Every structure is written in structure tokens, then in C-alpha cells.
Amino acid sequence: MCTCWRSGVILLLAACLAGCSNTAGGMRWWTKKKEACNCGVSVGQSAPEIEGADLDSKPFKLSDYRGQVVLLDYWATWCGYCVRMFPQERALIGRMTGRPFVMLGVDVKDDRESAVQMARSGQVTWRNWFDPAGCISDAWGVQVYPTIFLIDHQGTVRAVYRGAPGEEFEAKIEELVREAEGARKMVAR
């Protein structure tokens, strides 16, 4: 088992096992049709803590961004579609400047030098956890790259996109950011 993920692993694995346990005699990982159990983080669930180091080896946590909408992108340099999404993601970050929004990434099963080069070249302008063994992605149930989680300002997963996000993607982000802005106005009163 990976040792890089300390917070939340036991709870997440317990939830995963409970969700996969569909027989009276215990856990069953595969259905009769040999379809994989879709364990992991799902819509409506509180986002489990991610705690680790970024590409500059500086520690940070997902909970540091509570109060903002978080776009959490699981990606890798070897994922062609992930790399092709970078310009769209940079543009989105630019449009959201000054609003309660942040994009974070998890660079999965990659070599550190390739990931650091992407960041230094300006292709990746958002903060990323480095997940070379796939510990974080495994705990979140990520099997497709990219996988994008939209987490609201209260820390609840509100949408999951596996592969290319659809047309409603940016509209969903806007909806969540407006909710966060409304919550900030209520607190300011």
C-alpha cells in the first residue's frame, strides 16, 4: 500500500470496501459481467483531504482552498489529451482571476523532471501534487486521464468528468463560482 497518502486513506478505503461489498459473505470486487467496481470519490461526497508536496517540494493541502471552487485535474505528461487541454485550462484560470476559484492538479504516474519542465515552460501554471506511484489517484478512484473533479466552496464534490469534459463544463464552473460569491456576500453582511 502506498504510504504517501496519510489523511483520509483509511476512511476512503473503508467507504470503497463498503460500496463494493454487495454479497452477504463479504467483498466482491467484480460483478458477474466482470465489470470493475467504481469505487472512489463521487458527486455529493465531501472531498477527502489531499496532503503532499507540490512540484517545488513545498507542502500543501486541499483544505487550504476551502471557500473557493476547486477544479482538481488528474493529469500526466504522457497523456496527450491532458496536454492538449492546457491552453483551455490556462484561459479558464485567466477568466476566473479575482473570483473564488482555483485550479489544482495531481500529476500522476509521471517522472518528476517531465512535470517540472511542463511547469517551468509555462504550460502548467497551476499548483500540482506530484503523485508518481498513483497513491492519490488510486484513493480517489481515478482510472481515466484526465479526470476532473469540481469541488464547491464548502468542500463537496459537485461534478466529475472522466476524459474530455462536455459543453456544460464551464457553465457548471460558473454556477459554482456564483454560489461561492453569494456565500461570501452573506458572510460580509
Protein backbone atom coordinates (compact mmCIF):
# COMPACT_ATOMS: atom_id res chain seq x y z
CA MET A 1 0.00 0.00 0.00
CA CYS A 2 1.21 3.49 -0.74
CA THR A 3 2.50 5.38 2.25
CA CYS A 4 2.40 8.81 0.60
CA TRP A 5 -1.26 9.39 1.42
CA ARG A 6 -1.76 9.74 5.14
CA SER A 7 -5.00 11.65 5.69
CA GLY A 8 -8.25 10.05 4.72
CA VAL A 9 -6.93 6.82 3.19
CA ILE A 10 -8.42 4.52 5.81
CA LEU A 11 -11.82 6.21 5.65
CA LEU A 12 -11.81 6.27 1.86
CA LEU A 13 -10.78 2.62 1.61
CA ALA A 14 -13.44 1.66 4.15
CA ALA A 15 -16.04 3.52 2.10
CA CYS A 16 -14.77 1.86 -1.04
CA LEU A 17 -14.94 -1.60 0.50
CA ALA A 18 -18.40 -0.92 1.90
CA GLY A 19 -19.56 0.28 -1.50
CA CYS A 20 -18.15 -2.80 -3.22
CA SER A 21 -19.49 -5.23 -0.70
CA ASN A 22 -22.59 -6.49 -2.44
CA THR A 23 -22.65 -10.07 -1.20
CA ALA A 24 -23.72 -11.40 2.18
CA GLY A 25 -20.45 -13.32 2.53
CA GLY A 26 -18.16 -10.35 2.09
CA MET A 27 -16.46 -8.24 -0.51
CA ARG A 28 -16.89 -8.87 -4.21
CA TRP A 29 -14.70 -6.70 -6.46
CA TRP A 30 -16.16 -7.82 -9.78
CA THR A 31 -19.76 -8.29 -10.88
CA LYS A 32 -20.82 -11.37 -12.82
CA LYS A 33 -20.23 -9.37 -16.02
CA LYS A 34 -16.59 -8.75 -14.96
CA GLU A 35 -17.17 -5.00 -14.73
CA ALA A 36 -14.88 -3.16 -12.34
CA CYS A 37 -16.41 -1.70 -9.21
CA ASN A 38 -16.44 2.09 -9.48
CA CYS A 39 -15.08 2.85 -6.02
CA GLY A 40 -13.67 6.24 -5.22
CA VAL A 41 -14.84 9.77 -4.73
CA SER A 42 -18.26 10.58 -6.16
CA VAL A 43 -20.63 13.50 -6.61
CA GLY A 44 -22.22 14.65 -3.35
CA GLN A 45 -19.38 13.35 -1.20
CA SER A 46 -17.06 15.57 0.84
CA ALA A 47 -13.71 15.77 -0.92
CA PRO A 48 -11.14 13.76 1.04
CA GLU A 49 -8.06 15.63 2.17
CA ILE A 50 -5.04 15.57 -0.10
CA GLU A 51 -1.84 16.44 1.66
CA GLY A 52 1.54 16.36 0.00
CA ALA A 53 4.20 18.30 -1.83
CA ASP A 54 3.94 20.32 -5.00
CA LEU A 55 6.40 20.16 -7.89
CA ASP A 56 8.70 22.53 -5.97
CA SER A 57 8.57 20.16 -2.96
CA LYS A 58 6.53 22.67 -0.92
CA PRO A 59 3.80 21.09 1.24
CA PHE A 60 0.14 21.99 0.76
CA LYS A 61 -3.34 20.60 1.41
CA LEU A 62 -6.60 20.58 -0.48
CA SER A 63 -8.37 22.03 2.58
CA ASP A 64 -6.18 25.15 2.28
CA TYR A 65 -8.53 26.16 -0.56
CA ARG A 66 -11.83 25.87 1.33
CA GLY A 67 -14.05 28.83 0.45
CA GLN A 68 -13.09 28.62 -3.22
CA VAL A 69 -14.35 26.43 -6.04
CA VAL A 70 -11.61 23.93 -6.83
CA LEU A 71 -11.09 22.38 -10.23
CA LEU A 72 -8.96 19.32 -9.41
CA ASP A 73 -7.36 17.90 -12.56
CA TYR A 74 -5.70 14.46 -12.58
CA TRP A 75 -3.23 14.52 -15.50
CA ALA A 76 0.16 13.32 -16.75
CA THR A 77 2.71 14.43 -19.34
CA TRP A 78 2.24 11.10 -21.14
CA CYS A 79 -1.50 11.82 -21.58
CA GLY A 80 -1.83 13.56 -24.94
CA TYR A 81 -5.36 14.79 -24.30
CA CYS A 82 -4.31 16.20 -20.90
CA VAL A 83 -1.55 18.22 -22.56
CA ARG A 84 -3.90 19.46 -25.30
CA MET A 85 -6.25 20.78 -22.58
CA PHE A 86 -3.55 23.01 -21.01
CA PRO A 87 -4.30 26.13 -23.16
CA GLN A 88 -8.04 25.89 -22.34
CA GLU A 89 -7.24 25.46 -18.65
CA ARG A 90 -4.85 28.43 -18.61
CA ALA A 91 -7.53 30.56 -20.31
CA LEU A 92 -10.11 29.46 -17.73
CA ILE A 93 -7.76 30.45 -14.89
CA GLY A 94 -7.31 33.85 -16.54
CA ARG A 95 -11.08 34.41 -16.84
CA MET A 96 -11.56 33.48 -13.17
CA THR A 97 -8.90 35.83 -11.80
CA GLY A 98 -10.20 37.68 -8.74
CA ARG A 99 -13.05 35.25 -8.21
CA PRO A 100 -13.30 32.40 -5.65
CA PHE A 101 -11.81 29.80 -7.99
CA VAL A 102 -8.59 27.83 -8.07
CA MET A 103 -7.29 25.10 -10.32
CA LEU A 104 -5.12 22.42 -8.76
CA GLY A 105 -3.65 19.33 -10.32
CA VAL A 106 -2.39 15.89 -9.48
CA ASP A 107 0.44 14.80 -11.78
CA VAL A 108 0.03 11.03 -11.84
CA LYS A 109 2.50 8.22 -12.56
CA ASP A 110 4.94 10.58 -14.20
CA ASP A 111 8.61 11.31 -13.91
CA ARG A 112 9.35 14.44 -11.89
CA GLU A 113 11.59 16.08 -14.50
CA SER A 114 8.89 15.96 -17.21
CA ALA A 115 6.34 17.50 -14.86
CA VAL A 116 8.72 20.20 -13.64
CA GLN A 117 9.62 21.02 -17.25
CA MET A 118 5.93 21.49 -18.09
CA ALA A 119 5.60 23.93 -15.19
CA ARG A 120 8.81 25.82 -15.98
CA SER A 121 7.83 26.17 -19.65
CA GLY A 122 4.58 27.88 -18.63
CA GLN A 123 2.36 25.12 -19.98
CA VAL A 124 1.19 24.21 -16.48
CA THR A 125 0.55 27.36 -14.44
CA TRP A 126 -1.43 25.86 -11.55
CA ARG A 127 -0.18 24.14 -8.42
CA ASN A 128 0.16 20.36 -8.55
CA TRP A 129 0.73 17.47 -6.24
CA PHE A 130 3.32 15.06 -7.59
CA ASP A 131 1.89 11.51 -7.41
CA PRO A 132 4.50 9.22 -9.04
CA ALA A 133 3.13 5.99 -7.58
CA GLY A 134 -0.52 6.90 -8.17
CA CYS A 135 -1.41 6.85 -4.45
CA ILE A 136 -3.68 9.90 -4.57
CA SER A 137 -5.34 8.88 -7.83
CA ASP A 138 -5.94 5.35 -6.54
CA ALA A 139 -7.52 6.67 -3.34
CA TRP A 140 -9.83 8.93 -5.36
CA GLY A 141 -10.72 6.07 -7.76
CA VAL A 142 -9.20 7.73 -10.84
CA GLN A 143 -8.69 5.32 -13.75
CA VAL A 144 -9.03 7.63 -16.78
CA TYR A 145 -6.88 10.65 -17.64
CA PRO A 146 -7.74 13.37 -17.48
CA THR A 147 -10.26 13.10 -14.66
CA ILE A 148 -11.54 16.40 -13.34
CA PHE A 149 -13.38 16.94 -10.06
CA LEU A 150 -15.28 20.16 -9.39
CA ILE A 151 -15.39 20.84 -5.67
CA ASP A 152 -17.62 23.59 -4.30
CA HIS A 153 -16.60 26.24 -1.77
CA GLN A 154 -17.81 24.01 1.09
CA GLY A 155 -15.64 21.06 0.03
CA THR A 156 -18.32 18.92 -1.63
CA VAL A 157 -17.66 17.19 -4.96
CA ARG A 158 -20.28 18.59 -7.32
CA ALA A 159 -19.20 17.12 -10.69
CA VAL A 160 -16.76 14.55 -12.07
CA TYR A 161 -15.57 14.49 -15.68
CA ARG A 162 -13.71 11.43 -16.93
CA GLY A 163 -11.95 12.16 -20.18
CA ALA A 164 -12.96 15.21 -22.17
CA PRO A 165 -15.39 17.46 -20.28
CA GLY A 166 -18.60 18.24 -22.14
CA GLU A 167 -20.13 21.54 -23.17
CA GLU A 168 -21.72 22.06 -19.73
CA PHE A 169 -18.28 22.07 -18.05
CA GLU A 170 -17.66 25.82 -17.96
CA ALA A 171 -21.32 26.55 -17.19
CA LYS A 172 -21.06 24.27 -14.15
CA ILE A 173 -17.90 26.08 -13.01
CA GLU A 174 -19.65 29.44 -13.39
CA GLU A 175 -22.64 28.17 -11.38
CA LEU A 176 -20.39 27.00 -8.53
CA VAL A 177 -18.34 30.22 -8.52
CA ARG A 178 -21.53 32.29 -8.32
CA GLU A 179 -22.65 30.19 -5.34
CA ALA A 180 -19.30 30.86 -3.65
CA GLU A 181 -19.58 34.57 -4.38
CA GLY A 182 -23.10 34.61 -2.93
CA ALA A 183 -21.88 32.87 0.21
CA ARG A 184 -19.10 35.45 0.60
CA LYS A 185 -21.66 38.28 0.32
CA MET A 186 -23.82 36.66 3.01
CA VAL A 187 -20.84 36.41 5.37
CA ALA A 188 -19.84 40.03 4.68
CA ARG A 189 -23.23 41.33 5.82
